[in-house]
Amino acid sequence: MAITWKISSMDRDLTQGSNENIITTIHWTASDEDADGNTGSSYGSVGVTLVGTPTAYADVTEAMAIGFTKAALGDEQVTAIEEGIASQIEALANPTTASGISW
């Protein structure tokens, strides 16, 4: 299993000083699925501050945006998100409770 990170949207300032189209917030999803079809997911938003010479907005790829997202979240938070998704899948694969009616 490998967590799949996706970017659903990016907010940006149209003008920021002498720069244009500077990404300020990234909205993301992360998900995974095991061989039996059990899934887990997480989503959120993170503010980003891109320093140095900004990449032109039109040139930002999803892979780059995922990198910006993970950097803004930090290693500990990324690990916690991914472990949470794995826990969701584990709970579906090995349930400890059930519901229904007995008749």
PDB file of N, CA and C in Angstrom:
ATOM      1  N   MET A   1       0.841  -1.179   0.000  1.00  0.00           N
ATOM      2  CA  MET A   1       0.000   0.000   0.000  1.00  0.00           C
ATOM      3  C   MET A   1       0.886   1.241   0.000  1.00  0.00           C
ATOM      4  N   ALA A   2       0.445   2.210  -0.720  1.00  0.00           N
ATOM      5  CA  ALA A   2       1.163   3.484  -0.760  1.00  0.00           C
ATOM      6  C   ALA A   2       0.141   4.609  -0.773  1.00  0.00           C
ATOM      7  N   ILE A   3       0.314   5.542   0.114  1.00  0.00           N
ATOM      8  CA  ILE A   3      -0.599   6.677   0.205  1.00  0.00           C
ATOM      9  C   ILE A   3      -0.498   7.503  -1.072  1.00  0.00           C
ATOM     10  N   THR A   4      -1.659   7.849  -1.626  1.00  0.00           N
ATOM     11  CA  THR A   4      -1.717   8.716  -2.796  1.00  0.00           C
ATOM     12  C   THR A   4      -2.142  10.106  -2.349  1.00  0.00           C
ATOM     13  N   TRP A   5      -1.280  11.073  -2.595  1.00  0.00           N
ATOM     14  CA  TRP A   5      -1.573  12.467  -2.287  1.00  0.00           C
ATOM     15  C   TRP A   5      -2.053  13.148  -3.556  1.00  0.00           C
ATOM     16  N   LYS A   6      -3.111  13.955  -3.430  1.00  0.00           N
ATOM     17  CA  LYS A   6      -3.656  14.720  -4.554  1.00  0.00           C
ATOM     18  C   LYS A   6      -3.918  16.147  -4.090  1.00  0.00           C
ATOM     19  N   ILE A   7      -3.857  17.063  -5.030  1.00  0.00           N
ATOM     20  CA  ILE A   7      -4.178  18.461  -4.753  1.00  0.00           C
ATOM     21  C   ILE A   7      -5.537  18.748  -5.370  1.00  0.00           C
ATOM     22  N   SER A   8      -6.463  19.247  -4.538  1.00  0.00           N
ATOM     23  CA  SER A   8      -7.805  19.535  -5.057  1.00  0.00           C
ATOM     24  C   SER A   8      -7.965  20.988  -5.465  1.00  0.00           C
ATOM     25  N   SER A   9      -7.194  21.879  -4.854  1.00  0.00           N
ATOM     26  CA  SER A   9      -7.276  23.295  -5.213  1.00  0.00           C
ATOM     27  C   SER A   9      -6.110  24.047  -4.575  1.00  0.00           C
ATOM     28  N   MET A  10      -5.806  25.197  -5.132  1.00  0.00           N
ATOM     29  CA  MET A  10      -4.783  26.073  -4.551  1.00  0.00           C
ATOM     30  C   MET A  10      -5.310  27.501  -4.578  1.00  0.00           C
ATOM     31  N   ASP A  11      -5.223  28.173  -3.435  1.00  0.00           N
ATOM     32  CA  ASP A  11      -5.569  29.588  -3.364  1.00  0.00           C
ATOM     33  C   ASP A  11      -4.306  30.388  -3.625  1.00  0.00           C
ATOM     34  N   ARG A  12      -4.457  31.555  -4.228  1.00  0.00           N
ATOM     35  CA  ARG A  12      -3.277  32.370  -4.517  1.00  0.00           C
ATOM     36  C   ARG A  12      -3.623  33.843  -4.464  1.00  0.00           C
ATOM     37  N   ASP A  13      -2.608  34.621  -4.150  1.00  0.00           N
ATOM     38  CA  ASP A  13      -2.711  36.076  -4.242  1.00  0.00           C
ATOM     39  C   ASP A  13      -2.412  36.448  -5.682  1.00  0.00           C
ATOM     40  N   LEU A  14      -3.284  37.229  -6.285  1.00  0.00           N
ATOM     41  CA  LEU A  14      -3.049  37.642  -7.668  1.00  0.00           C
ATOM     42  C   LEU A  14      -1.850  38.576  -7.760  1.00  0.00           C
ATOM     43  N   THR A  15      -1.670  39.391  -6.725  1.00  0.00           N
ATOM     44  CA  THR A  15      -0.492  40.259  -6.657  1.00  0.00           C
ATOM     45  C   THR A  15       0.035  40.218  -5.233  1.00  0.00           C
ATOM     46  N   GLN A  16       1.335  40.015  -5.113  1.00  0.00           N
ATOM     47  CA  GLN A  16       2.002  39.996  -3.803  1.00  0.00           C
ATOM     48  C   GLN A  16       3.331  40.710  -4.011  1.00  0.00           C
ATOM     49  N   GLY A  17       3.391  41.962  -3.613  1.00  0.00           N
ATOM     50  CA  GLY A  17       4.581  42.758  -3.906  1.00  0.00           C
ATOM     51  C   GLY A  17       4.746  42.891  -5.409  1.00  0.00           C
ATOM     52  N   SER A  18       5.913  42.540  -5.908  1.00  0.00           N
ATOM     53  CA  SER A  18       6.164  42.614  -7.347  1.00  0.00           C
ATOM     54  C   SER A  18       5.873  41.283  -8.051  1.00  0.00           C
ATOM     55  N   ASN A  19       5.388  40.307  -7.297  1.00  0.00           N
ATOM     56  CA  ASN A  19       5.096  38.990  -7.863  1.00  0.00           C
ATOM     57  C   ASN A  19       3.605  38.824  -8.116  1.00  0.00           C
ATOM     58  N   GLU A  20       3.286  37.939  -9.037  1.00  0.00           N
ATOM     59  CA  GLU A  20       1.890  37.660  -9.355  1.00  0.00           C
ATOM     60  C   GLU A  20       1.598  36.182  -9.143  1.00  0.00           C
ATOM     61  N   ASN A  21       0.329  35.884  -8.811  1.00  0.00           N
ATOM     62  CA  ASN A  21      -0.145  34.509  -8.679  1.00  0.00           C
ATOM     63  C   ASN A  21       0.693  33.678  -7.714  1.00  0.00           C
ATOM     64  N   ILE A  22       0.800  34.146  -6.481  1.00  0.00           N
ATOM     65  CA  ILE A  22       1.593  33.466  -5.457  1.00  0.00           C
ATOM     66  C   ILE A  22       0.674  32.554  -4.646  1.00  0.00           C
ATOM     67  N   ILE A  23       0.987  31.277  -4.627  1.00  0.00           N
ATOM     68  CA  ILE A  23       0.183  30.292  -3.909  1.00  0.00           C
ATOM     69  C   ILE A  23       0.270  30.559  -2.408  1.00  0.00           C
ATOM     70  N   THR A  24      -0.899  30.597  -1.753  1.00  0.00           N
ATOM     71  CA  THR A  24      -0.949  30.874  -0.320  1.00  0.00           C
ATOM     72  C   THR A  24      -1.526  29.710   0.496  1.00  0.00           C
ATOM     73  N   THR A  25      -2.428  28.952  -0.093  1.00  0.00           N
ATOM     74  CA  THR A  25      -3.076  27.829   0.596  1.00  0.00           C
ATOM     75  C   THR A  25      -3.249  26.687  -0.392  1.00  0.00           C
ATOM     76  N   ILE A  26      -2.959  25.479   0.079  1.00  0.00           N
ATOM     77  CA  ILE A  26      -3.144  24.292  -0.751  1.00  0.00           C
ATOM     78  C   ILE A  26      -4.144  23.375  -0.057  1.00  0.00           C
ATOM     79  N   HIS A  27      -5.134  22.940  -0.816  1.00  0.00           N
ATOM     80  CA  HIS A  27      -6.157  22.009  -0.332  1.00  0.00           C
ATOM     81  C   HIS A  27      -5.790  20.626  -0.883  1.00  0.00           C
ATOM     82  N   TRP A  28      -5.685  19.649   0.001  1.00  0.00           N
ATOM     83  CA  TRP A  28      -5.145  18.342  -0.379  1.00  0.00           C
ATOM     84  C   TRP A  28      -6.032  17.202   0.093  1.00  0.00           C
ATOM     85  N   THR A  29      -5.843  16.039  -0.531  1.00  0.00           N
ATOM     86  CA  THR A  29      -6.423  14.784  -0.070  1.00  0.00           C
ATOM     87  C   THR A  29      -5.315  13.740  -0.077  1.00  0.00           C
ATOM     88  N   ALA A  30      -5.439  12.776   0.798  1.00  0.00           N
ATOM     89  CA  ALA A  30      -4.515  11.641   0.836  1.00  0.00           C
ATOM     90  C   ALA A  30      -5.360  10.400   1.045  1.00  0.00           C
ATOM     91  N   SER A  31      -5.063   9.338   0.306  1.00  0.00           N
ATOM     92  CA  SER A  31      -5.883   8.135   0.424  1.00  0.00           C
ATOM     93  C   SER A  31      -5.071   6.893   0.085  1.00  0.00           C
ATOM     94  N   ASP A  32      -5.643   5.750   0.457  1.00  0.00           N
ATOM     95  CA  ASP A  32      -5.017   4.468   0.154  1.00  0.00           C
ATOM     96  C   ASP A  32      -6.106   3.400   0.143  1.00  0.00           C
ATOM     97  N   GLU A  33      -5.806   2.263  -0.444  1.00  0.00           N
ATOM     98  CA  GLU A  33      -6.730   1.140  -0.525  1.00  0.00           C
ATOM     99  C   GLU A  33      -5.933  -0.148  -0.450  1.00  0.00           C
ATOM    100  N   ASP A  34      -6.439  -1.116   0.329  1.00  0.00           N
ATOM    101  CA  ASP A  34      -5.745  -2.404   0.384  1.00  0.00           C
ATOM    102  C   ASP A  34      -6.265  -3.330  -0.714  1.00  0.00           C
ATOM    103  N   ALA A  35      -5.702  -4.520  -0.798  1.00  0.00           N
ATOM    104  CA  ALA A  35      -6.051  -5.477  -1.855  1.00  0.00           C
ATOM    105  C   ALA A  35      -7.502  -5.934  -1.772  1.00  0.00           C
ATOM    106  N   ASP A  36      -8.117  -5.804  -0.594  1.00  0.00           N
ATOM    107  CA  ASP A  36      -9.507  -6.222  -0.415  1.00  0.00           C
ATOM    108  C   ASP A  36     -10.504  -5.086  -0.648  1.00  0.00           C
ATOM    109  N   GLY A  37     -10.013  -3.917  -1.021  1.00  0.00           N
ATOM    110  CA  GLY A  37     -10.902  -2.788  -1.290  1.00  0.00           C
ATOM    111  C   GLY A  37     -11.221  -1.921  -0.091  1.00  0.00           C
ATOM    112  N   ASN A  38     -10.573  -2.163   1.045  1.00  0.00           N
ATOM    113  CA  ASN A  38     -10.756  -1.313   2.225  1.00  0.00           C
ATOM    114  C   ASN A  38      -9.987  -0.018   2.004  1.00  0.00           C
ATOM    115  N   THR A  39     -10.661   1.104   2.241  1.00  0.00           N
ATOM    116  CA  THR A  39     -10.035   2.398   1.965  1.00  0.00           C
ATOM    117  C   THR A  39      -9.938   3.263   3.207  1.00  0.00           C
ATOM    118  N   GLY A  40      -9.018   4.186   3.154  1.00  0.00           N
ATOM    119  CA  GLY A  40      -8.852   5.201   4.179  1.00  0.00           C
ATOM    120  C   GLY A  40      -8.480   6.499   3.499  1.00  0.00           C
ATOM    121  N   SER A  41      -8.858   7.621   4.108  1.00  0.00           N
ATOM    122  CA  SER A  41      -8.525   8.899   3.482  1.00  0.00           C
ATOM    123  C   SER A  41      -8.481  10.015   4.515  1.00  0.00           C
ATOM    124  N   SER A  42      -7.882  11.103   4.109  1.00  0.00           N
ATOM    125  CA  SER A  42      -7.801  12.304   4.916  1.00  0.00           C
ATOM    126  C   SER A  42      -7.759  13.485   3.965  1.00  0.00           C
ATOM    127  N   TYR A  43      -8.218  14.623   4.423  1.00  0.00           N
ATOM    128  CA  TYR A  43      -8.149  15.824   3.596  1.00  0.00           C
ATOM    129  C   TYR A  43      -7.926  17.030   4.488  1.00  0.00           C
ATOM    130  N   GLY A  44      -7.440  18.079   3.891  1.00  0.00           N
ATOM    131  CA  GLY A  44      -7.213  19.292   4.660  1.00  0.00           C
ATOM    132  C   GLY A  44      -6.663  20.399   3.797  1.00  0.00           C
ATOM    133  N   SER A  45      -6.313  21.468   4.459  1.00  0.00           N
ATOM    134  CA  SER A  45      -5.730  22.636   3.811  1.00  0.00           C
ATOM    135  C   SER A  45      -4.539  23.077   4.636  1.00  0.00           C
ATOM    136  N   VAL A  46      -3.557  23.630   3.969  1.00  0.00           N
ATOM    137  CA  VAL A  46      -2.388  24.125   4.676  1.00  0.00           C
ATOM    138  C   VAL A  46      -1.932  25.417   4.019  1.00  0.00           C
ATOM    139  N   GLY A  47      -1.593  26.384   4.852  1.00  0.00           N
ATOM    140  CA  GLY A  47      -1.031  27.627   4.344  1.00  0.00           C
ATOM    141  C   GLY A  47       0.419  27.412   3.972  1.00  0.00           C
ATOM    142  N   VAL A  48       0.836  27.999   2.879  1.00  0.00           N
ATOM    143  CA  VAL A  48       2.220  27.871   2.440  1.00  0.00           C
ATOM    144  C   VAL A  48       2.825  29.244   2.234  1.00  0.00           C
ATOM    145  N   THR A  49       4.103  29.334   2.536  1.00  0.00           N
ATOM    146  CA  THR A  49       4.884  30.526   2.255  1.00  0.00           C
ATOM    147  C   THR A  49       6.041  30.079   1.384  1.00  0.00           C
ATOM    148  N   LEU A  50       5.963  30.426   0.118  1.00  0.00           N
ATOM    149  CA  LEU A  50       6.997  30.020  -0.824  1.00  0.00           C
ATOM    150  C   LEU A  50       8.044  31.120  -0.883  1.00  0.00           C
ATOM    151  N   VAL A  51       9.254  30.796  -0.461  1.00  0.00           N
ATOM    152  CA  VAL A  51      10.319  31.788  -0.374  1.00  0.00           C
ATOM    153  C   VAL A  51      11.220  31.714  -1.596  1.00  0.00           C
ATOM    154  N   GLY A  52      12.021  32.734  -1.759  1.00  0.00           N
ATOM    155  CA  GLY A  52      12.932  32.772  -2.897  1.00  0.00           C
ATOM    156  C   GLY A  52      12.201  33.245  -4.141  1.00  0.00           C
ATOM    157  N   THR A  53      12.720  32.891  -5.263  1.00  0.00           N
ATOM    158  CA  THR A  53      12.083  33.256  -6.521  1.00  0.00           C
ATOM    159  C   THR A  53      10.939  32.288  -6.776  1.00  0.00           C
ATOM    160  N   PRO A  54       9.703  32.785  -6.773  1.00  0.00           N
ATOM    161  CA  PRO A  54       8.581  31.867  -6.927  1.00  0.00           C
ATOM    162  C   PRO A  54       8.520  31.270  -8.332  1.00  0.00           C
ATOM    163  N   THR A  55       8.098  30.009  -8.377  1.00  0.00           N
ATOM    164  CA  THR A  55       7.850  29.351  -9.656  1.00  0.00           C
ATOM    165  C   THR A  55       6.593  29.964 -10.247  1.00  0.00           C
ATOM    166  N   ALA A  56       6.600  30.239 -11.535  1.00  0.00           N
ATOM    167  CA  ALA A  56       5.410  30.782 -12.181  1.00  0.00           C
ATOM    168  C   ALA A  56       4.239  29.842 -11.924  1.00  0.00           C
ATOM    169  N   TYR A  57       3.101  30.406 -11.534  1.00  0.00           N
ATOM    170  CA  TYR A  57       1.929  29.608 -11.188  1.00  0.00           C
ATOM    171  C   TYR A  57       1.603  28.594 -12.283  1.00  0.00           C
ATOM    172  N   ALA A  58       1.652  29.001 -13.519  1.00  0.00           N
ATOM    173  CA  ALA A  58       1.324  28.118 -14.646  1.00  0.00           C
ATOM    174  C   ALA A  58       2.305  26.953 -14.762  1.00  0.00           C
ATOM    175  N   ASP A  59       3.483  27.090 -14.168  1.00  0.00           N
ATOM    176  CA  ASP A  59       4.501  26.041 -14.247  1.00  0.00           C
ATOM    177  C   ASP A  59       4.501  25.092 -13.047  1.00  0.00           C
ATOM    178  N   VAL A  60       3.655  25.355 -12.043  1.00  0.00           N
ATOM    179  CA  VAL A  60       3.593  24.494 -10.856  1.00  0.00           C
ATOM    180  C   VAL A  60       2.869  23.206 -11.235  1.00  0.00           C
ATOM    181  N   THR A  61       3.528  22.081 -10.998  1.00  0.00           N
ATOM    182  CA  THR A  61       2.924  20.768 -11.268  1.00  0.00           C
ATOM    183  C   THR A  61       2.287  20.230  -9.981  1.00  0.00           C
ATOM    184  N   GLU A  62       1.466  19.196 -10.127  1.00  0.00           N
ATOM    185  CA  GLU A  62       0.879  18.597  -8.933  1.00  0.00           C
ATOM    186  C   GLU A  62       1.965  18.021  -8.031  1.00  0.00           C
ATOM    187  N   ALA A  63       2.993  17.423  -8.622  1.00  0.00           N
ATOM    188  CA  ALA A  63       4.094  16.877  -7.816  1.00  0.00           C
ATOM    189  C   ALA A  63       4.774  17.983  -7.007  1.00  0.00           C
ATOM    190  N   MET A  64       4.963  19.134  -7.623  1.00  0.00           N
ATOM    191  CA  MET A  64       5.568  20.253  -6.901  1.00  0.00           C
ATOM    192  C   MET A  64       4.647  20.697  -5.763  1.00  0.00           C
ATOM    193  N   ALA A  65       3.348  20.811  -6.042  1.00  0.00           N
ATOM    194  CA  ALA A  65       2.387  21.257  -5.032  1.00  0.00           C
ATOM    195  C   ALA A  65       2.307  20.264  -3.874  1.00  0.00           C
ATOM    196  N   ILE A  66       2.410  18.979  -4.170  1.00  0.00           N
ATOM    197  CA  ILE A  66       2.439  17.968  -3.109  1.00  0.00           C
ATOM    198  C   ILE A  66       3.684  18.171  -2.251  1.00  0.00           C
ATOM    199  N   GLY A  67       4.805  18.460  -2.881  1.00  0.00           N
ATOM    200  CA  GLY A  67       6.030  18.755  -2.135  1.00  0.00           C
ATOM    201  C   GLY A  67       5.873  19.978  -1.254  1.00  0.00           C
ATOM    202  N   PHE A  68       5.253  21.044  -1.786  1.00  0.00           N
ATOM    203  CA  PHE A  68       4.999  22.248  -0.982  1.00  0.00           C
ATOM    204  C   PHE A  68       4.104  21.900   0.210  1.00  0.00           C
ATOM    205  N   THR A  69       3.088  21.077  -0.040  1.00  0.00           N
ATOM    206  CA  THR A  69       2.140  20.689   1.003  1.00  0.00           C
ATOM    207  C   THR A  69       2.837  19.919   2.116  1.00  0.00           C
ATOM    208  N   LYS A  70       3.599  18.903   1.736  1.00  0.00           N
ATOM    209  CA  LYS A  70       4.284  18.085   2.742  1.00  0.00           C
ATOM    210  C   LYS A  70       5.307  18.906   3.516  1.00  0.00           C
ATOM    211  N   ALA A  71       5.991  19.813   2.842  1.00  0.00           N
ATOM    212  CA  ALA A  71       6.962  20.668   3.534  1.00  0.00           C
ATOM    213  C   ALA A  71       6.256  21.568   4.540  1.00  0.00           C
ATOM    214  N   ALA A  72       5.105  22.113   4.163  1.00  0.00           N
ATOM    215  CA  ALA A  72       4.366  22.991   5.071  1.00  0.00           C
ATOM    216  C   ALA A  72       3.790  22.212   6.251  1.00  0.00           C
ATOM    217  N   LEU A  73       3.345  20.980   6.003  1.00  0.00           N
ATOM    218  CA  LEU A  73       2.821  20.155   7.093  1.00  0.00           C
ATOM    219  C   LEU A  73       3.923  19.689   8.032  1.00  0.00           C
ATOM    220  N   GLY A  74       5.083  19.381   7.488  1.00  0.00           N
ATOM    221  CA  GLY A  74       6.194  18.860   8.281  1.00  0.00           C
ATOM    222  C   GLY A  74       6.138  17.344   8.349  1.00  0.00           C
ATOM    223  N   ASP A  75       7.306  16.741   8.547  1.00  0.00           N
ATOM    224  CA  ASP A  75       7.426  15.284   8.538  1.00  0.00           C
ATOM    225  C   ASP A  75       6.539  14.595   9.567  1.00  0.00           C
ATOM    226  N   GLU A  76       6.456  15.154  10.770  1.00  0.00           N
ATOM    227  CA  GLU A  76       5.664  14.512  11.821  1.00  0.00           C
ATOM    228  C   GLU A  76       4.184  14.477  11.454  1.00  0.00           C
ATOM    229  N   GLN A  77       3.673  15.586  10.921  1.00  0.00           N
ATOM    230  CA  GLN A  77       2.255  15.645  10.551  1.00  0.00           C
ATOM    231  C   GLN A  77       1.960  14.739   9.362  1.00  0.00           C
ATOM    232  N   VAL A  78       2.849  14.708   8.374  1.00  0.00           N
ATOM    233  CA  VAL A  78       2.668  13.814   7.220  1.00  0.00           C
ATOM    234  C   VAL A  78       2.626  12.368   7.701  1.00  0.00           C
ATOM    235  N   THR A  79       3.533  11.997   8.586  1.00  0.00           N
ATOM    236  CA  THR A  79       3.551  10.635   9.135  1.00  0.00           C
ATOM    237  C   THR A  79       2.255  10.344   9.884  1.00  0.00           C
ATOM    238  N   ALA A  80       1.785  11.290  10.684  1.00  0.00           N
ATOM    239  CA  ALA A  80       0.544  11.094  11.440  1.00  0.00           C
ATOM    240  C   ALA A  80      -0.648  10.902  10.503  1.00  0.00           C
ATOM    241  N   ILE A  81      -0.714  11.677   9.434  1.00  0.00           N
ATOM    242  CA  ILE A  81      -1.797  11.552   8.454  1.00  0.00           C
ATOM    243  C   ILE A  81      -1.753  10.170   7.815  1.00  0.00           C
ATOM    244  N   GLU A  82      -0.570   9.763   7.379  1.00  0.00           N
ATOM    245  CA  GLU A  82      -0.434   8.469   6.707  1.00  0.00           C
ATOM    246  C   GLU A  82      -0.710   7.304   7.659  1.00  0.00           C
ATOM    247  N   GLU A  83      -0.294   7.418   8.907  1.00  0.00           N
ATOM    248  CA  GLU A  83      -0.589   6.377   9.888  1.00  0.00           C
ATOM    249  C   GLU A  83      -2.088   6.319  10.183  1.00  0.00           C
ATOM    250  N   GLY A  84      -2.744   7.473  10.199  1.00  0.00           N
ATOM    251  CA  GLY A  84      -4.190   7.520  10.413  1.00  0.00           C
ATOM    252  C   GLY A  84      -4.941   6.816   9.297  1.00  0.00           C
ATOM    253  N   ILE A  85      -4.496   7.008   8.072  1.00  0.00           N
ATOM    254  CA  ILE A  85      -5.118   6.335   6.930  1.00  0.00           C
ATOM    255  C   ILE A  85      -4.914   4.826   7.040  1.00  0.00           C
ATOM    256  N   ALA A  86      -3.710   4.406   7.393  1.00  0.00           N
ATOM    257  CA  ALA A  86      -3.435   2.979   7.575  1.00  0.00           C
ATOM    258  C   ALA A  86      -4.315   2.396   8.681  1.00  0.00           C
ATOM    259  N   SER A  87      -4.550   3.159   9.744  1.00  0.00           N
ATOM    260  CA  SER A  87      -5.408   2.701  10.844  1.00  0.00           C
ATOM    261  C   SER A  87      -6.859   2.553  10.391  1.00  0.00           C
ATOM    262  N   GLN A  88      -7.326   3.462   9.543  1.00  0.00           N
ATOM    263  CA  GLN A  88      -8.685   3.353   9.005  1.00  0.00           C
ATOM    264  C   GLN A  88      -8.840   2.051   8.222  1.00  0.00           C
ATOM    265  N   ILE A  89      -7.864   1.761   7.392  1.00  0.00           N
ATOM    266  CA  ILE A  89      -7.907   0.551   6.571  1.00  0.00           C
ATOM    267  C   ILE A  89      -7.851  -0.688   7.458  1.00  0.00           C
ATOM    268  N   GLU A  90      -6.980  -0.672   8.446  1.00  0.00           N
ATOM    269  CA  GLU A  90      -6.858  -1.797   9.380  1.00  0.00           C
ATOM    270  C   GLU A  90      -8.177  -2.041  10.108  1.00  0.00           C
ATOM    271  N   ALA A  91      -8.852  -0.975  10.521  1.00  0.00           N
ATOM    272  CA  ALA A  91     -10.126  -1.120  11.224  1.00  0.00           C
ATOM    273  C   ALA A  91     -11.197  -1.721  10.326  1.00  0.00           C
ATOM    274  N   LEU A  92     -11.201  -1.376   9.059  1.00  0.00           N
ATOM    275  CA  LEU A  92     -12.167  -1.966   8.126  1.00  0.00           C
ATOM    276  C   LEU A  92     -11.834  -3.422   7.825  1.00  0.00           C
ATOM    277  N   ALA A  93     -10.554  -3.722   7.727  1.00  0.00           N
ATOM    278  CA  ALA A  93     -10.123  -5.084   7.412  1.00  0.00           C
ATOM    279  C   ALA A  93     -10.332  -6.037   8.578  1.00  0.00           C
ATOM    280  N   ASN A  94     -10.271  -5.505   9.801  1.00  0.00           N
ATOM    281  CA  ASN A  94     -10.388  -6.326  11.022  1.00  0.00           C
ATOM    282  C   ASN A  94     -11.364  -5.671  12.002  1.00  0.00           C
ATOM    283  N   PRO A  95     -12.648  -5.692  11.678  1.00  0.00           N
ATOM    284  CA  PRO A  95     -13.620  -5.006  12.537  1.00  0.00           C
ATOM    285  C   PRO A  95     -13.695  -5.610  13.932  1.00  0.00           C
ATOM    286  N   THR A  96     -13.969  -4.760  14.906  1.00  0.00           N
ATOM    287  CA  THR A  96     -14.130  -5.223  16.288  1.00  0.00           C
ATOM    288  C   THR A  96     -15.556  -4.996  16.784  1.00  0.00           C
ATOM    289  N   THR A  97     -16.402  -4.362  15.974  1.00  0.00           N
ATOM    290  CA  THR A  97     -17.793  -4.134  16.324  1.00  0.00           C
ATOM    291  C   THR A  97     -18.655  -4.389  15.079  1.00  0.00           C
ATOM    292  N   ALA A  98     -19.940  -4.553  15.321  1.00  0.00           N
ATOM    293  CA  ALA A  98     -20.895  -4.726  14.218  1.00  0.00           C
ATOM    294  C   ALA A  98     -22.227  -4.134  14.670  1.00  0.00           C
ATOM    295  N   SER A  99     -23.106  -3.880  13.725  1.00  0.00           N
ATOM    296  CA  SER A  99     -24.429  -3.378  14.065  1.00  0.00           C
ATOM    297  C   SER A  99     -25.469  -4.106  13.218  1.00  0.00           C
ATOM    298  N   GLY A 100     -26.676  -4.012  13.607  1.00  0.00           N
ATOM    299  CA  GLY A 100     -27.765  -4.650  12.899  1.00  0.00           C
ATOM    300  C   GLY A 100     -28.850  -5.074  13.871  1.00  0.00           C
ATOM    301  N   ILE A 101     -29.711  -5.937  13.424  1.00  0.00           N
ATOM    302  CA  ILE A 101     -30.757  -6.471  14.288  1.00  0.00           C
ATOM    303  C   ILE A 101     -30.693  -7.990  14.239  1.00  0.00           C
ATOM    304  N   SER A 102     -31.080  -8.627  15.329  1.00  0.00           N
ATOM    305  CA  SER A 102     -30.875 -10.064  15.432  1.00  0.00           C
ATOM    306  C   SER A 102     -32.014 -10.892  14.832  1.00  0.00           C
ATOM    307  N   TRP A 103     -33.062 -10.340  14.355  1.00  0.00           N
ATOM    308  CA  TRP A 103     -34.146 -11.139  13.790  1.00  0.00           C
ATOM    309  C   TRP A 103     -34.185 -11.105  12.314  1.00  0.00           C
TER     310      TRP A 103
END
